[in-house]
Structure formats: structure tokens, C-alpha cells
Amino acid sequence: RPVNSRLGAVVAALLDRAYRDPPAPDLPAMPSVPLRLVLSGRPFSGKRTLATKLAEARNLQVVDVDEVVAECLALSKAARAKSAALTDGPAAIEDEQSPEHELADGSGSSATGGGGVQDEEHLQEDRDAPEPAEENPYIQHLEELGHQMQDVLDCGEPVSDELYVSIITTKIRSLFPGLVPKQPPLGEAAEKPSEEAPAEEAAPADEAA
């Protein structure tokens, strides 16, 4: 049978326009490190042993998928336990600091005075203490990803590949937070094209005049 190549090209172009693939998502900002290695292989082929030896010889950071997943789940569990402790804590503190205990001791005035001196000492120590360093923002992101993974596992559903990729990329960025390039906010990036567009459209009008 004769083949009409022109008709096939037209049909292919129409199909491409009708069923166009969605745009690829923006790649996350990754740290600019001089060396990156990915070790893959079959189970029990010595990937972890080789990675450990390379890390010791070249001073590298090893990112193991299983260890990162366990870390995310541990962070989420610790955060939930801390929130539960904070929820139950105020009631216990109020019971310990209730005035009934002061009346039972019979020395409320002296105890109060001594407590005031101790409070001033603690305040002075807090002022003299060095300011805490800035926390790694990517650790908090790992904790949030751990919450998402825990919710998925509790529902009995499989973890998606996108979530695994987010966990690995966030872990890599947490190891080198100072080397991650800063990206402009989405609002500023969206405003710049809109401001430049009228100027480009007005240029032909000026040339015509």
C-alpha cells in the first residue's frame, strides 16, 4: 500500500498538540559539590562496603535510602512524642506549683524568697549563655516528610517514588546546607516577566511613530 508521509506528519503534529505532555517540574536546588557518585547493583553485591571504603578514603558523605527512611520516621515519632508530652505537661506543672503545697510546707514566704533569688540567677545564666546556632531547615523538612510517609504506611498504601525522591534530595541538602544555591521566591519570579512584557509590546509602537 502507498504511504502518505505528509498526512502522517500532519496527524502526528495534531496528536502532539492535543495530547501534549505536561511540563517537567523544576529541579530542586542541590548543593554544588565537586564529586557525586551513585552506587547501584544487586542485593548483597557489596554496595554498602564499597561506599564505606570510598567515604573513608575520600572524606565523602554516604546517603543510604534505608537509613534515610528510618531517620525520617524516627524524626516524625520524636515530634509526635514531644507534642504529646507538651499537651500533658501543663496540667502536671500546675499541680506541682499549686498553692496547696506551699501552705502544707508552712514556710511559704521563705520558699518564695529563695525562689526569687534562684530565678534571678537562672535569668543571668540565660543572658550570659551563647545564642543557639541556626537550625538546619532541611531537618525540619525531613520531619515533615516522615509524617507523610508514616501516614501512608498507616493507611497500608505503598510509598510513592516522588516521596522517596523528595526524601533523598532533602537529605543531601541537609548535609550541605551552606552549599545549596538560593532560589528567588516564586512571587518575585512571577512578577518580573509581567513587568517586562508591556515594555516589549510598547517598543514596536515607538518605532512606528
Protein backbone atom coordinates (compact mmCIF):
# COMPACT_ATOMS: atom_id res chain seq x y z
CA ARG A 1 0.00 0.00 0.00
CA PRO A 2 1.27 3.53 -0.70
CA VAL A 3 2.25 5.55 2.37
CA ASN A 4 1.29 9.21 2.62
CA SER A 5 4.15 10.69 4.67
CA ARG A 6 2.70 14.19 4.64
CA LEU A 7 -0.61 13.02 6.08
CA GLY A 8 1.25 11.05 8.75
CA ALA A 9 3.28 14.14 9.71
CA VAL A 10 0.10 16.24 9.97
CA VAL A 11 -1.65 13.62 12.12
CA ALA A 12 1.42 13.31 14.35
CA ALA A 13 1.57 17.09 14.81
CA LEU A 14 -2.15 17.20 15.71
CA LEU A 15 -1.72 14.39 18.22
CA ASP A 16 1.23 16.15 19.81
CA ARG A 17 -0.81 19.31 20.26
CA ALA A 18 -3.92 17.52 21.51
CA TYR A 19 -2.09 15.22 23.93
CA ARG A 20 0.88 17.34 24.87
CA ASP A 21 2.96 16.07 27.77
CA PRO A 22 2.80 18.20 30.94
CA PRO A 23 5.81 20.41 31.54
CA ALA A 24 8.57 18.82 33.55
CA PRO A 25 8.76 20.08 37.16
CA ASP A 26 11.59 22.36 38.16
CA LEU A 27 14.60 20.54 39.52
CA PRO A 28 15.27 21.15 43.23
CA ALA A 29 18.26 23.24 44.18
CA MET A 30 21.09 20.87 45.02
CA PRO A 31 24.42 21.65 46.70
CA SER A 32 27.34 22.30 44.38
CA VAL A 33 29.82 19.65 45.47
CA PRO A 34 32.88 18.62 43.42
CA LEU A 35 32.13 14.88 43.41
CA ARG A 36 28.92 12.88 43.19
CA LEU A 37 28.73 9.10 43.00
CA VAL A 38 25.77 6.74 42.72
CA LEU A 39 26.37 3.07 43.52
CA SER A 40 23.81 0.59 42.22
CA GLY A 41 23.80 -3.18 42.00
CA ARG A 42 22.10 -6.36 43.01
CA PRO A 43 21.38 -7.22 46.65
CA PHE A 44 24.42 -8.35 48.66
CA SER A 45 26.80 -7.23 45.90
CA GLY A 46 28.91 -5.08 48.25
CA LYS A 47 27.45 -1.63 47.57
CA ARG A 48 27.49 -0.55 51.22
CA THR A 49 31.01 -1.92 51.78
CA LEU A 50 32.35 -0.08 48.73
CA ALA A 51 30.55 3.13 49.75
CA THR A 52 32.06 2.95 53.24
CA LYS A 53 35.58 2.48 51.87
CA LEU A 54 35.18 5.35 49.40
CA ALA A 55 33.82 7.59 52.16
CA GLU A 56 36.80 6.83 54.39
CA ALA A 57 39.33 7.34 51.58
CA ARG A 58 37.82 10.49 50.03
CA ASN A 59 36.02 12.04 53.03
CA LEU A 60 32.58 11.59 51.46
CA GLN A 61 29.08 11.57 52.88
CA VAL A 62 27.15 8.34 52.33
CA VAL A 63 23.39 8.56 51.79
CA ASP A 64 21.68 5.20 52.23
CA VAL A 65 17.99 5.02 51.29
CA ASP A 66 17.08 2.65 54.13
CA GLU A 67 18.91 4.76 56.72
CA VAL A 68 17.32 8.00 55.48
CA VAL A 69 13.83 6.46 55.62
CA ALA A 70 14.49 5.24 59.16
CA GLU A 71 15.73 8.71 60.12
CA CYS A 72 12.60 10.38 58.74
CA LEU A 73 10.33 8.01 60.62
CA ALA A 74 12.34 8.49 63.82
CA LEU A 75 12.07 12.28 63.49
CA SER A 76 8.31 12.07 62.99
CA LYS A 77 7.89 9.76 66.00
CA ALA A 78 10.02 12.02 68.20
CA ALA A 79 7.99 15.06 67.15
CA ARG A 80 4.71 13.31 67.94
CA ALA A 81 6.00 12.17 71.32
CA LYS A 82 7.18 15.71 72.09
CA SER A 83 3.83 17.23 71.16
CA ALA A 84 2.06 14.65 73.34
CA ALA A 85 4.37 15.48 76.26
CA LEU A 86 3.71 19.20 75.84
CA THR A 87 -0.02 18.52 75.79
CA ASP A 88 0.10 16.57 79.06
CA GLY A 89 2.80 18.74 80.66
CA PRO A 90 0.92 21.93 81.72
CA ALA A 91 -1.55 20.03 83.93
CA ALA A 92 1.25 18.31 85.84
CA ILE A 93 3.17 21.57 86.24
CA GLU A 94 0.11 23.36 87.58
CA ASP A 95 -0.45 20.57 90.14
CA GLU A 96 3.15 20.82 91.35
CA GLN A 97 3.06 24.62 91.62
CA SER A 98 -0.37 24.89 93.24
CA PRO A 99 -0.59 26.98 96.48
CA GLU A 100 -1.70 23.91 98.49
CA HIS A 101 1.89 22.63 98.50
CA GLU A 102 3.16 26.00 99.79
CA LEU A 103 0.62 26.03 102.62
CA ALA A 104 1.46 22.47 103.58
CA ASP A 105 5.16 23.33 103.98
CA GLY A 106 4.43 26.14 106.42
CA SER A 107 7.29 28.27 105.05
CA GLY A 108 5.77 29.85 102.03
CA SER A 109 7.44 33.25 102.48
CA SER A 110 10.99 31.92 102.82
CA ALA A 111 10.48 29.47 99.96
CA THR A 112 9.14 32.23 97.76
CA GLY A 113 12.06 34.50 98.58
CA GLY A 114 14.61 31.79 97.83
CA GLY A 115 12.84 31.01 94.59
CA GLY A 116 13.12 34.65 93.54
CA VAL A 117 16.88 34.61 94.03
CA GLN A 118 17.16 31.38 92.07
CA ASP A 119 15.04 32.84 89.27
CA GLU A 120 17.37 35.85 89.03
CA GLU A 121 20.38 33.55 88.88
CA HIS A 122 18.77 31.50 86.10
CA LEU A 123 17.93 34.67 84.20
CA GLN A 124 21.51 35.86 84.49
CA GLU A 125 22.77 32.48 83.25
CA ASP A 126 20.39 32.64 80.29
CA ARG A 127 21.68 36.11 79.40
CA ASP A 128 25.31 35.02 79.61
CA ALA A 129 24.69 31.83 77.62
CA PRO A 130 25.65 31.97 73.93
CA GLU A 131 22.89 32.28 71.39
CA PRO A 132 21.94 28.95 69.82
CA ALA A 133 23.05 28.38 66.25
CA GLU A 134 20.54 28.48 63.44
CA GLU A 135 18.83 25.16 62.98
CA ASN A 136 19.13 23.28 59.73
CA PRO A 137 15.86 23.97 57.88
CA TYR A 138 16.14 20.75 55.90
CA ILE A 139 15.97 18.66 59.09
CA GLN A 140 12.51 20.06 59.72
CA HIS A 141 11.61 19.21 56.12
CA LEU A 142 12.77 15.64 56.72
CA GLU A 143 10.48 15.53 59.74
CA GLU A 144 7.53 16.67 57.63
CA LEU A 145 8.34 14.03 55.01
CA GLY A 146 8.49 11.46 57.81
CA HIS A 147 4.96 12.45 58.85
CA GLN A 148 3.77 11.98 55.27
CA MET A 149 5.44 8.58 55.00
CA GLN A 150 4.03 7.46 58.35
CA ASP A 151 0.52 8.46 57.28
CA VAL A 152 0.92 6.50 54.04
CA LEU A 153 2.19 3.43 55.89
CA ASP A 154 -0.63 3.66 58.44
CA CYS A 155 -3.13 3.56 55.58
CA GLY A 156 -1.45 0.44 54.19
CA GLU A 157 -0.56 2.10 50.89
CA PRO A 158 2.80 1.90 49.07
CA VAL A 159 5.17 4.84 49.29
CA SER A 160 5.34 6.73 46.00
CA ASP A 161 8.56 7.27 44.08
CA GLU A 162 8.09 11.03 44.33
CA LEU A 163 8.18 10.82 48.12
CA TYR A 164 11.36 8.74 48.02
CA VAL A 165 12.99 11.29 45.71
CA SER A 166 11.97 14.16 47.98
CA ILE A 167 13.45 12.36 50.99
CA ILE A 168 16.78 11.68 49.26
CA THR A 169 17.16 15.19 47.84
CA THR A 170 16.26 16.77 51.17
CA LYS A 171 18.79 14.55 52.97
CA ILE A 172 21.54 15.58 50.53
CA ARG A 173 20.71 19.25 51.04
CA SER A 174 20.70 18.78 54.81
CA LEU A 175 24.31 17.51 54.65
CA PHE A 176 25.49 20.63 52.80
CA PRO A 177 23.09 23.44 53.75
CA GLY A 178 25.66 26.15 53.08
CA LEU A 179 26.32 24.96 49.51
CA VAL A 180 22.70 24.97 48.33
CA PRO A 181 22.13 27.86 45.89
CA LYS A 182 19.38 30.20 46.97
CA GLN A 183 16.42 30.44 44.63
CA PRO A 184 14.31 33.63 44.33
CA PRO A 185 10.79 33.43 45.76
CA LEU A 186 8.07 32.38 43.38
CA GLY A 187 6.31 35.71 43.75
CA GLU A 188 9.31 37.72 42.58
CA ALA A 189 9.97 35.34 39.70
CA ALA A 190 6.37 35.67 38.54
CA GLU A 191 6.34 39.46 38.78
CA LYS A 192 9.42 40.09 36.64
CA PRO A 193 8.02 38.71 33.34
CA SER A 194 4.76 40.59 33.79
CA GLU A 195 6.64 43.87 34.30
CA GLU A 196 8.90 43.36 31.28
CA ALA A 197 6.10 42.28 28.91
CA PRO A 198 4.45 45.75 28.49
CA ALA A 199 7.83 47.30 27.66
CA GLU A 200 8.43 44.78 24.89
CA GLU A 201 4.94 45.34 23.47
CA ALA A 202 5.33 49.12 23.54
CA ALA A 203 8.61 49.02 21.61
CA PRO A 204 7.03 48.47 18.13
CA ALA A 205 4.65 51.39 18.72
CA ASP A 206 7.58 53.71 19.39
CA GLU A 207 9.36 52.51 16.27
CA ALA A 208 6.24 53.07 14.14
CA ALA A 209 5.92 56.62 15.48
